[in-house]
C-alpha cells in the first residue's frame, strides 16, 4: 500500500505541473484546456495556478535585482569608478533586500574564490605541482602517462590519482610522438 504522504505529494506535483502548462499555453496565445487535475479538485488547481502566476510575475524582479547587484559588485572592485559613481547608481535605483542578498552572495563567492586561488597558487601548491608533473612528462623519459604519474607522484607530494589527472589531455612528448609515427 502506498504512503498517503507520497500520494498527496504526487497529486500536488500534478496540480502544479498542470497549472504551469496552462499558464505557458496562455502566454503563447493557446487556449488552456480543462485538465484532469482541474476537474478532480478545482479549488486546489486554482490555488496552484495563483501561486505559479505570482512566481512568474516575480521573475523579472529577480533578474533585475541580480543585474543591479552584479553592477554594484563590478563598481566596488573597479579601479576606474569611485564611491561617487556607486552613490549615483544607488540614488537612481535604491537597493532592495533581494538586491542586497544577491550582492552579499556575489561578494562571498568572490572572497571564497580568492582564498582558494591563493591556496592553490602558493609555492608548493597544487597548481605548481601540476605544472611540475606536466614538465616531467614533456621531457619524454616515460613511455606512458600512467608510469610517469606512478613514479613521480611521491616525489612531488601528490597522490597517483591527482598526478594522473594533471596529465590528462597533455600532448605526447616529441620523442614518443616520433616513435609512434615511425
N, C-alpha and C. Protein backbone atom coordinates (compact mmCIF):
# COMPACT_ATOMS: atom_id res chain seq x y z
N UNK A 1 0.84 -1.18 0.00
CA UNK A 1 0.00 0.00 0.00
C UNK A 1 0.89 1.25 0.00
N UNK A 2 0.53 2.27 -0.75
CA UNK A 2 1.32 3.49 -0.86
C UNK A 2 1.13 4.37 0.37
N UNK A 3 2.18 5.13 0.64
CA UNK A 3 2.15 6.06 1.75
C UNK A 3 1.24 7.23 1.39
N UNK A 4 0.29 7.62 2.27
CA UNK A 4 -0.61 8.75 1.95
C UNK A 4 0.13 10.05 1.66
N UNK A 5 1.27 10.27 2.34
CA UNK A 5 2.04 11.50 2.09
C UNK A 5 2.60 11.50 0.67
N UNK A 6 3.05 10.33 0.20
CA UNK A 6 3.58 10.23 -1.16
C UNK A 6 2.49 10.49 -2.19
N UNK A 7 1.30 9.96 -1.93
CA UNK A 7 0.17 10.16 -2.84
C UNK A 7 -0.17 11.64 -2.89
N UNK A 8 -0.22 12.29 -1.72
CA UNK A 8 -0.55 13.72 -1.65
C UNK A 8 0.50 14.54 -2.40
N UNK A 9 1.79 14.21 -2.19
CA UNK A 9 2.86 14.93 -2.89
C UNK A 9 2.73 14.77 -4.40
N UNK A 10 2.38 13.55 -4.83
CA UNK A 10 2.20 13.31 -6.26
C UNK A 10 1.06 14.12 -6.84
N UNK A 11 -0.03 14.20 -6.11
CA UNK A 11 -1.18 14.98 -6.57
C UNK A 11 -0.82 16.46 -6.63
N UNK A 12 -0.09 16.95 -5.60
CA UNK A 12 0.33 18.35 -5.59
C UNK A 12 1.24 18.64 -6.78
N UNK A 13 2.13 17.72 -7.10
CA UNK A 13 3.03 17.91 -8.24
C UNK A 13 2.24 17.95 -9.55
N UNK A 14 1.24 17.08 -9.69
CA UNK A 14 0.41 17.10 -10.89
C UNK A 14 -0.38 18.40 -11.01
N UNK A 15 -0.91 18.88 -9.89
CA UNK A 15 -1.62 20.16 -9.89
C UNK A 15 -0.69 21.28 -10.35
N UNK A 16 0.49 21.32 -9.76
CA UNK A 16 1.49 22.33 -10.08
C UNK A 16 1.84 22.28 -11.56
N UNK A 17 2.12 21.07 -12.06
CA UNK A 17 2.51 20.90 -13.44
C UNK A 17 1.41 21.34 -14.41
N UNK A 18 0.18 20.99 -14.09
CA UNK A 18 -0.93 21.38 -14.94
C UNK A 18 -1.10 22.90 -14.96
N UNK A 19 -0.96 23.53 -13.80
CA UNK A 19 -1.08 24.99 -13.73
C UNK A 19 0.03 25.67 -14.54
N UNK A 20 1.26 25.16 -14.42
CA UNK A 20 2.39 25.72 -15.18
C UNK A 20 2.14 25.57 -16.68
N UNK A 21 1.73 24.38 -17.10
CA UNK A 21 1.47 24.14 -18.53
C UNK A 21 0.37 25.05 -19.06
N UNK A 22 -0.71 25.22 -18.28
CA UNK A 22 -1.79 26.09 -18.72
C UNK A 22 -1.33 27.53 -18.87
N UNK A 23 -0.54 28.02 -17.91
CA UNK A 23 -0.06 29.40 -18.00
C UNK A 23 0.91 29.58 -19.16
N UNK A 24 1.75 28.58 -19.43
CA UNK A 24 2.65 28.65 -20.59
C UNK A 24 1.85 28.71 -21.88
N UNK A 25 0.82 27.86 -21.99
CA UNK A 25 -0.02 27.87 -23.18
C UNK A 25 -0.72 29.21 -23.37
N UNK A 26 -1.24 29.78 -22.28
CA UNK A 26 -1.91 31.08 -22.37
C UNK A 26 -0.94 32.17 -22.78
N UNK A 27 0.31 32.12 -22.27
CA UNK A 27 1.28 33.15 -22.63
C UNK A 27 1.66 33.07 -24.10
N UNK A 28 1.47 31.91 -24.72
CA UNK A 28 1.77 31.72 -26.13
C UNK A 28 0.52 31.90 -27.00
N UNK A 29 -0.59 32.32 -26.37
CA UNK A 29 -1.82 32.56 -27.11
C UNK A 29 -2.64 31.31 -27.38
N UNK A 30 -2.28 30.21 -26.75
CA UNK A 30 -3.03 28.97 -26.94
C UNK A 30 -4.11 28.89 -25.86
N UNK A 31 -5.22 28.29 -26.20
CA UNK A 31 -6.31 28.14 -25.24
C UNK A 31 -5.95 27.05 -24.23
N UNK A 32 -6.23 27.32 -22.97
CA UNK A 32 -5.97 26.34 -21.93
C UNK A 32 -7.14 25.36 -21.87
N UNK A 33 -6.82 24.10 -21.83
CA UNK A 33 -7.87 23.08 -21.76
C UNK A 33 -8.09 22.70 -20.29
N UNK A 34 -9.26 22.17 -20.03
CA UNK A 34 -9.56 21.73 -18.68
C UNK A 34 -8.90 20.37 -18.49
N UNK A 35 -7.89 20.32 -17.59
CA UNK A 35 -7.15 19.09 -17.38
C UNK A 35 -7.76 18.23 -16.29
N UNK A 36 -7.18 17.06 -16.15
CA UNK A 36 -7.69 16.10 -15.16
C UNK A 36 -7.63 16.64 -13.74
N UNK A 37 -6.54 17.28 -13.40
CA UNK A 37 -6.40 17.79 -12.03
C UNK A 37 -7.37 18.93 -11.78
N UNK A 38 -7.62 19.72 -12.79
CA UNK A 38 -8.57 20.82 -12.66
C UNK A 38 -9.98 20.26 -12.43
N UNK A 39 -10.32 19.16 -13.09
CA UNK A 39 -11.62 18.51 -12.90
C UNK A 39 -11.70 17.86 -11.52
N UNK A 40 -10.60 17.23 -11.09
CA UNK A 40 -10.58 16.48 -9.84
C UNK A 40 -10.73 17.39 -8.63
N UNK A 41 -9.98 18.49 -8.61
CA UNK A 41 -10.02 19.39 -7.45
C UNK A 41 -9.86 20.83 -7.92
N UNK A 42 -10.96 21.47 -8.34
CA UNK A 42 -10.88 22.82 -8.90
C UNK A 42 -10.28 23.84 -7.94
N UNK A 43 -10.56 23.72 -6.64
CA UNK A 43 -10.04 24.69 -5.67
C UNK A 43 -8.52 24.57 -5.54
N UNK A 44 -8.04 23.34 -5.46
CA UNK A 44 -6.59 23.13 -5.35
C UNK A 44 -5.89 23.60 -6.63
N UNK A 45 -6.51 23.34 -7.78
CA UNK A 45 -5.94 23.78 -9.05
C UNK A 45 -5.85 25.31 -9.07
N UNK A 46 -6.92 25.96 -8.62
CA UNK A 46 -6.95 27.43 -8.60
C UNK A 46 -5.84 27.98 -7.70
N UNK A 47 -5.65 27.37 -6.53
CA UNK A 47 -4.59 27.81 -5.62
C UNK A 47 -3.21 27.62 -6.25
N UNK A 48 -2.99 26.47 -6.89
CA UNK A 48 -1.71 26.21 -7.54
C UNK A 48 -1.47 27.21 -8.67
N UNK A 49 -2.49 27.50 -9.43
CA UNK A 49 -2.38 28.45 -10.54
C UNK A 49 -2.03 29.84 -10.04
N UNK A 50 -2.66 30.27 -8.96
CA UNK A 50 -2.36 31.60 -8.39
C UNK A 50 -0.92 31.66 -7.89
N UNK A 51 -0.46 30.58 -7.27
CA UNK A 51 0.91 30.53 -6.78
C UNK A 51 1.90 30.60 -7.94
N UNK A 52 1.65 29.84 -8.98
CA UNK A 52 2.53 29.84 -10.16
C UNK A 52 2.52 31.21 -10.82
N UNK A 53 1.36 31.81 -10.93
CA UNK A 53 1.25 33.13 -11.55
C UNK A 53 2.01 34.18 -10.75
N UNK A 54 1.90 34.11 -9.43
CA UNK A 54 2.65 35.04 -8.58
C UNK A 54 4.15 34.89 -8.73
N UNK A 55 4.60 33.65 -8.84
CA UNK A 55 6.03 33.40 -9.02
C UNK A 55 6.49 33.90 -10.38
N UNK A 56 5.68 33.68 -11.41
CA UNK A 56 6.06 34.11 -12.76
C UNK A 56 6.22 35.62 -12.82
N UNK A 57 5.38 36.35 -12.08
CA UNK A 57 5.47 37.81 -12.08
C UNK A 57 6.73 38.29 -11.36
N UNK A 58 7.26 37.48 -10.43
CA UNK A 58 8.44 37.91 -9.68
C UNK A 58 9.74 37.64 -10.41
N UNK A 59 9.74 36.81 -11.46
CA UNK A 59 10.97 36.50 -12.18
C UNK A 59 11.66 37.74 -12.76
N UNK A 60 10.94 38.67 -13.37
CA UNK A 60 11.63 39.87 -13.85
C UNK A 60 12.28 40.66 -12.72
N UNK A 61 11.65 40.69 -11.53
CA UNK A 61 12.24 41.38 -10.39
C UNK A 61 13.52 40.70 -9.94
N UNK A 62 13.52 39.36 -9.97
CA UNK A 62 14.73 38.62 -9.61
C UNK A 62 15.87 38.96 -10.57
N UNK A 63 15.56 38.94 -11.84
CA UNK A 63 16.59 39.23 -12.85
C UNK A 63 17.12 40.65 -12.70
N UNK A 64 16.22 41.61 -12.45
CA UNK A 64 16.63 43.00 -12.27
C UNK A 64 17.52 43.14 -11.03
N UNK A 65 17.14 42.50 -9.93
CA UNK A 65 17.94 42.56 -8.70
C UNK A 65 19.32 41.97 -8.91
N UNK A 66 19.38 40.85 -9.64
CA UNK A 66 20.67 40.22 -9.90
C UNK A 66 21.56 41.12 -10.75
N UNK A 67 20.98 41.75 -11.76
CA UNK A 67 21.77 42.64 -12.62
C UNK A 67 22.29 43.83 -11.82
N UNK A 68 21.43 44.40 -10.96
CA UNK A 68 21.84 45.54 -10.17
C UNK A 68 22.96 45.14 -9.20
N UNK A 69 22.85 43.98 -8.58
CA UNK A 69 23.88 43.50 -7.66
C UNK A 69 25.20 43.28 -8.40
N UNK A 70 25.13 42.70 -9.60
CA UNK A 70 26.34 42.47 -10.38
C UNK A 70 27.00 43.79 -10.75
N UNK A 71 26.20 44.78 -11.12
CA UNK A 71 26.74 46.10 -11.49
C UNK A 71 27.41 46.76 -10.29
N UNK A 72 26.76 46.69 -9.14
CA UNK A 72 27.35 47.29 -7.93
C UNK A 72 28.64 46.57 -7.57
N UNK A 73 28.64 45.26 -7.66
CA UNK A 73 29.84 44.48 -7.35
C UNK A 73 30.99 44.86 -8.29
N UNK A 74 30.68 44.99 -9.57
CA UNK A 74 31.70 45.41 -10.53
C UNK A 74 32.25 46.78 -10.17
N UNK A 75 31.37 47.68 -9.78
CA UNK A 75 31.80 49.03 -9.43
C UNK A 75 32.67 49.03 -8.17
N UNK A 76 32.32 48.19 -7.21
CA UNK A 76 33.10 48.12 -5.96
C UNK A 76 34.53 47.70 -6.27
N UNK A 77 34.69 46.79 -7.20
CA UNK A 77 36.01 46.24 -7.49
C UNK A 77 36.70 46.91 -8.68
N UNK A 78 36.08 47.93 -9.22
CA UNK A 78 36.65 48.63 -10.36
C UNK A 78 37.72 49.62 -9.90
N UNK A 79 38.77 49.70 -10.67
CA UNK A 79 39.83 50.67 -10.39
C UNK A 79 39.41 52.06 -10.88
N UNK A 80 38.51 52.12 -11.87
CA UNK A 80 38.15 53.37 -12.51
C UNK A 80 37.03 54.12 -11.78
N UNK A 81 36.10 53.38 -11.21
CA UNK A 81 34.93 54.01 -10.63
C UNK A 81 35.08 54.15 -9.12
N UNK A 82 34.77 55.33 -8.61
CA UNK A 82 34.91 55.58 -7.19
C UNK A 82 33.57 55.49 -6.47
N UNK A 83 33.59 55.89 -5.23
CA UNK A 83 32.39 55.84 -4.41
C UNK A 83 31.28 56.73 -4.94
N UNK A 84 31.64 57.84 -5.57
CA UNK A 84 30.60 58.74 -6.08
C UNK A 84 29.79 58.07 -7.20
N UNK A 85 30.44 57.26 -8.01
CA UNK A 85 29.73 56.55 -9.06
C UNK A 85 28.76 55.53 -8.46
N UNK A 86 29.18 54.85 -7.43
CA UNK A 86 28.30 53.89 -6.75
C UNK A 86 27.13 54.63 -6.12
N UNK A 87 27.42 55.75 -5.51
CA UNK A 87 26.36 56.55 -4.87
C UNK A 87 25.35 57.02 -5.91
N UNK A 88 25.81 57.42 -7.09
CA UNK A 88 24.90 57.84 -8.16
C UNK A 88 23.97 56.70 -8.57
N UNK A 89 24.52 55.51 -8.70
CA UNK A 89 23.70 54.35 -9.07
C UNK A 89 22.67 54.07 -7.98
N UNK A 90 23.09 54.13 -6.73
CA UNK A 90 22.17 53.85 -5.62
C UNK A 90 21.09 54.92 -5.50
N UNK A 91 21.42 56.16 -5.85
CA UNK A 91 20.41 57.22 -5.81
C UNK A 91 19.37 57.04 -6.92
N UNK A 92 19.81 56.56 -8.08
CA UNK A 92 18.88 56.34 -9.19
C UNK A 92 17.95 55.17 -8.91
N UNK A 93 18.49 54.11 -8.33
CA UNK A 93 17.67 52.93 -8.04
C UNK A 93 18.11 52.36 -6.70
N UNK A 94 17.38 52.68 -5.63
CA UNK A 94 17.76 52.19 -4.30
C UNK A 94 17.79 50.66 -4.25
N UNK A 95 18.61 50.14 -3.37
CA UNK A 95 18.80 48.71 -3.23
C UNK A 95 17.68 48.13 -2.35
N UNK A 96 17.05 47.06 -2.84
CA UNK A 96 16.06 46.37 -2.02
C UNK A 96 16.73 45.15 -1.37
N UNK A 97 15.99 44.45 -0.54
CA UNK A 97 16.55 43.31 0.20
C UNK A 97 17.05 42.22 -0.74
N UNK A 98 16.34 42.00 -1.84
CA UNK A 98 16.74 40.96 -2.78
C UNK A 98 18.07 41.31 -3.45
N UNK A 99 18.24 42.56 -3.84
CA UNK A 99 19.49 43.00 -4.44
C UNK A 99 20.62 42.88 -3.43
N UNK A 100 20.36 43.25 -2.20
CA UNK A 100 21.37 43.16 -1.16
C UNK A 100 21.78 41.70 -0.93
N UNK A 101 20.82 40.80 -0.93
CA UNK A 101 21.11 39.37 -0.77
C UNK A 101 21.99 38.88 -1.92
N UNK A 102 21.67 39.29 -3.14
CA UNK A 102 22.48 38.89 -4.30
C UNK A 102 23.90 39.47 -4.18
N UNK A 103 24.00 40.71 -3.75
CA UNK A 103 25.30 41.35 -3.61
C UNK A 103 26.15 40.63 -2.56
N UNK A 104 25.54 40.28 -1.44
CA UNK A 104 26.27 39.55 -0.40
C UNK A 104 26.75 38.21 -0.95
N UNK A 105 25.88 37.51 -1.68
CA UNK A 105 26.26 36.23 -2.28
C UNK A 105 27.43 36.41 -3.24
N UNK A 106 27.37 37.43 -4.09
CA UNK A 106 28.46 37.66 -5.04
C UNK A 106 29.77 37.94 -4.32
N UNK A 107 29.73 38.75 -3.27
CA UNK A 107 30.95 39.10 -2.56
C UNK A 107 31.52 37.91 -1.80
N UNK A 108 30.65 37.09 -1.21
CA UNK A 108 31.14 35.89 -0.52
C UNK A 108 31.77 34.92 -1.51
N UNK A 109 31.14 34.77 -2.66
CA UNK A 109 31.68 33.90 -3.69
C UNK A 109 33.04 34.40 -4.16
N UNK A 110 33.14 35.70 -4.35
CA UNK A 110 34.40 36.30 -4.80
C UNK A 110 35.50 36.09 -3.76
N UNK A 111 35.16 36.27 -2.48
CA UNK A 111 36.13 36.09 -1.40
C UNK A 111 36.58 34.63 -1.32
N UNK A 112 35.64 33.70 -1.44
CA UNK A 112 35.98 32.28 -1.38
C UNK A 112 36.88 31.90 -2.55
N UNK A 113 36.59 32.44 -3.73
CA UNK A 113 37.40 32.13 -4.90
C UNK A 113 38.82 32.68 -4.73
N UNK A 114 38.93 33.89 -4.21
CA UNK A 114 40.26 34.45 -3.98
C UNK A 114 41.05 33.60 -2.97
N UNK A 115 40.38 33.13 -1.92
CA UNK A 115 41.04 32.27 -0.94
C UNK A 115 41.50 30.96 -1.54
N UNK A 116 40.65 30.33 -2.33
CA UNK A 116 41.02 29.06 -2.97
C UNK A 116 42.17 29.28 -3.94
N UNK A 117 42.12 30.36 -4.72
CA UNK A 117 43.20 30.65 -5.66
C UNK A 117 44.51 30.88 -4.92
N UNK A 118 44.46 31.60 -3.80
CA UNK A 118 45.68 31.86 -3.03
C UNK A 118 46.28 30.55 -2.52
N UNK A 119 45.44 29.65 -2.06
CA UNK A 119 45.91 28.36 -1.55
C UNK A 119 46.54 27.53 -2.67
N UNK A 120 45.87 27.44 -3.80
CA UNK A 120 46.36 26.60 -4.89
C UNK A 120 47.56 27.21 -5.61
N UNK A 121 47.68 28.54 -5.58
CA UNK A 121 48.77 29.21 -6.29
C UNK A 121 50.02 29.42 -5.46
N UNK A 122 49.98 29.15 -4.15
CA UNK A 122 51.15 29.39 -3.30
C UNK A 122 52.29 28.44 -3.72
N UNK A 123 53.53 28.80 -3.38
CA UNK A 123 54.65 27.92 -3.72
C UNK A 123 54.43 26.53 -3.11
N UNK A 124 54.59 25.52 -3.94
CA UNK A 124 54.35 24.15 -3.50
C UNK A 124 52.88 23.78 -3.51
N UNK A 125 52.05 24.66 -4.01
CA UNK A 125 50.61 24.41 -4.08
C UNK A 125 50.27 23.47 -5.22
N UNK A 126 49.01 23.14 -5.33
CA UNK A 126 48.59 22.13 -6.30
C UNK A 126 48.85 22.55 -7.74
N UNK A 127 48.70 23.82 -8.05
CA UNK A 127 48.92 24.25 -9.44
C UNK A 127 50.40 24.16 -9.82
N UNK A 128 51.27 24.47 -8.88
CA UNK A 128 52.70 24.34 -9.15
C UNK A 128 53.07 22.87 -9.35
N UNK A 129 52.52 21.99 -8.52
CA UNK A 129 52.80 20.56 -8.65
C UNK A 129 52.27 20.00 -9.97
N UNK A 130 51.12 20.48 -10.40
CA UNK A 130 50.58 20.05 -11.69
C UNK A 130 51.52 20.46 -12.82
N UNK A 131 52.02 21.69 -12.75
CA UNK A 131 52.95 22.16 -13.78
C UNK A 131 54.23 21.33 -13.77
N UNK A 132 54.70 20.94 -12.58
CA UNK A 132 55.93 20.14 -12.50
C UNK A 132 55.74 18.76 -13.13
N UNK A 133 54.62 18.09 -12.82
CA UNK A 133 54.41 16.74 -13.37
C UNK A 133 54.23 16.82 -14.89
N UNK A 134 53.62 17.89 -15.38
CA UNK A 134 53.48 18.07 -16.83
C UNK A 134 54.84 18.29 -17.49
N UNK A 135 55.70 19.05 -16.82
CA UNK A 135 57.05 19.30 -17.36
C UNK A 135 57.86 18.00 -17.39
N UNK A 136 57.72 17.19 -16.34
CA UNK A 136 58.43 15.90 -16.30
C UNK A 136 57.95 15.01 -17.44
N UNK A 137 56.64 14.97 -17.65
CA UNK A 137 56.08 14.17 -18.75
C UNK A 137 56.59 14.67 -20.10
N UNK A 138 56.66 15.99 -20.26
CA UNK A 138 57.08 16.58 -21.54
C UNK A 138 58.53 16.27 -21.88
N UNK A 139 59.36 15.91 -20.87
CA UNK A 139 60.76 15.58 -21.15
C UNK A 139 60.89 14.27 -21.94
N UNK A 140 59.88 13.42 -21.89
CA UNK A 140 59.88 12.21 -22.69
C UNK A 140 60.60 11.03 -22.07
N UNK A 141 60.81 11.04 -20.77
CA UNK A 141 61.52 9.94 -20.11
C UNK A 141 60.61 8.75 -19.78
N UNK A 142 59.32 8.89 -19.97
CA UNK A 142 58.38 7.83 -19.63
C UNK A 142 57.61 7.40 -20.86
N UNK A 143 57.25 6.12 -20.90
CA UNK A 143 56.55 5.58 -22.06
C UNK A 143 55.04 5.79 -21.98
N UNK A 144 54.54 6.09 -20.78
CA UNK A 144 53.10 6.34 -20.64
C UNK A 144 52.84 7.36 -19.53
N UNK A 145 51.71 7.99 -19.61
CA UNK A 145 51.31 8.95 -18.57
C UNK A 145 51.13 8.23 -17.24
N UNK A 146 50.59 7.01 -17.30
CA UNK A 146 50.39 6.23 -16.07
C UNK A 146 51.72 5.99 -15.34
N UNK A 147 52.72 5.56 -16.11
CA UNK A 147 54.03 5.29 -15.50
C UNK A 147 54.64 6.58 -14.95
N UNK A 148 54.51 7.67 -15.67
CA UNK A 148 55.03 8.96 -15.21
C UNK A 148 54.37 9.34 -13.89
N UNK A 149 53.06 9.27 -13.84
CA UNK A 149 52.33 9.62 -12.62
C UNK A 149 52.72 8.70 -11.47
N UNK A 150 52.83 7.41 -11.77
CA UNK A 150 53.14 6.41 -10.74
C UNK A 150 54.51 6.65 -10.12
N UNK A 151 55.50 6.93 -10.94
CA UNK A 151 56.88 7.07 -10.44
C UNK A 151 57.19 8.45 -9.88
N UNK A 152 56.48 9.46 -10.29
CA UNK A 152 56.83 10.82 -9.86
C UNK A 152 55.90 11.42 -8.80
N UNK A 153 54.75 10.81 -8.57
CA UNK A 153 53.78 11.42 -7.66
C UNK A 153 54.32 11.58 -6.24
N UNK A 154 55.00 10.57 -5.72
CA UNK A 154 55.51 10.64 -4.35
C UNK A 154 56.54 11.75 -4.19
N UNK A 155 57.41 11.90 -5.19
CA UNK A 155 58.44 12.93 -5.11
C UNK A 155 57.84 14.34 -5.08
N UNK A 156 56.66 14.48 -5.69
CA UNK A 156 56.00 15.79 -5.73
C UNK A 156 55.02 15.98 -4.58
N UNK A 157 54.83 14.94 -3.79
CA UNK A 157 53.90 15.05 -2.65
C UNK A 157 52.45 15.07 -3.08
N UNK A 158 52.13 14.33 -4.13
CA UNK A 158 50.75 14.26 -4.58
C UNK A 158 50.36 12.80 -4.77
N UNK A 159 49.08 12.54 -4.75
CA UNK A 159 48.61 11.16 -4.94
C UNK A 159 48.73 10.78 -6.41
N UNK A 160 48.70 9.47 -6.65
CA UNK A 160 48.76 8.99 -8.02
C UNK A 160 47.58 9.55 -8.83
N UNK A 161 46.39 9.50 -8.24
CA UNK A 161 45.19 9.96 -8.96
C UNK A 161 45.31 11.44 -9.34
N UNK A 162 45.84 12.25 -8.45
CA UNK A 162 45.99 13.68 -8.74
C UNK A 162 47.03 13.90 -9.82
N UNK A 163 48.13 13.16 -9.74
CA UNK A 163 49.18 13.27 -10.76
C UNK A 163 48.64 12.84 -12.12
N UNK A 164 47.88 11.76 -12.13
CA UNK A 164 47.33 11.25 -13.40
C UNK A 164 46.34 12.24 -13.99
N UNK A 165 45.52 12.85 -13.13
CA UNK A 165 44.56 13.86 -13.62
C UNK A 165 45.29 15.05 -14.23
N UNK A 166 46.42 15.42 -13.63
CA UNK A 166 47.19 16.56 -14.16
C UNK A 166 47.75 16.26 -15.55
N UNK A 167 47.92 14.99 -15.85
CA UNK A 167 48.47 14.61 -17.16
C UNK A 167 47.42 14.37 -18.23
N UNK A 168 46.16 14.48 -17.86
CA UNK A 168 45.10 14.30 -18.86
C UNK A 168 45.22 15.33 -19.97
N UNK A 169 44.98 14.89 -21.18
CA UNK A 169 44.96 15.76 -22.37
C UNK A 169 46.27 16.49 -22.64
N UNK A 170 47.35 16.02 -22.06
CA UNK A 170 48.64 16.62 -22.39
C UNK A 170 49.15 15.97 -23.67
N UNK A 171 49.84 16.73 -24.50
CA UNK A 171 50.35 16.13 -25.74
C UNK A 171 51.48 15.15 -25.43
N UNK A 172 51.67 14.21 -26.35
CA UNK A 172 52.80 13.27 -26.18
C UNK A 172 54.08 14.06 -26.34
N UNK A 173 55.12 13.68 -25.59
CA UNK A 173 56.41 14.34 -25.79
C UNK A 173 56.92 14.08 -27.21
N UNK A 174 57.74 14.96 -27.75
CA UNK A 174 58.22 14.78 -29.12
C UNK A 174 58.86 13.43 -29.36
N UNK A 175 59.59 12.90 -28.40
CA UNK A 175 60.26 11.60 -28.59
C UNK A 175 59.24 10.48 -28.75
N UNK A 176 58.15 10.50 -27.98
CA UNK A 176 57.11 9.48 -28.10
C UNK A 176 56.27 9.66 -29.35
N UNK A 177 56.03 10.91 -29.70
CA UNK A 177 55.23 11.19 -30.89
C UNK A 177 55.96 10.70 -32.15
N UNK A 178 57.29 10.91 -32.19
CA UNK A 178 58.07 10.46 -33.34
C UNK A 178 58.11 8.93 -33.40
N UNK A 179 58.21 8.29 -32.24
CA UNK A 179 58.28 6.82 -32.19
C UNK A 179 56.96 6.19 -32.64
N UNK A 180 55.84 6.82 -32.30
CA UNK A 180 54.54 6.26 -32.70
C UNK A 180 54.27 6.45 -34.19
N UNK A 181 54.90 7.45 -34.80
CA UNK A 181 54.72 7.68 -36.24
C UNK A 181 55.57 6.72 -37.06
N UNK A 182 56.73 6.41 -36.54
CA UNK A 182 57.71 5.68 -37.33
C UNK A 182 57.66 4.25 -37.20
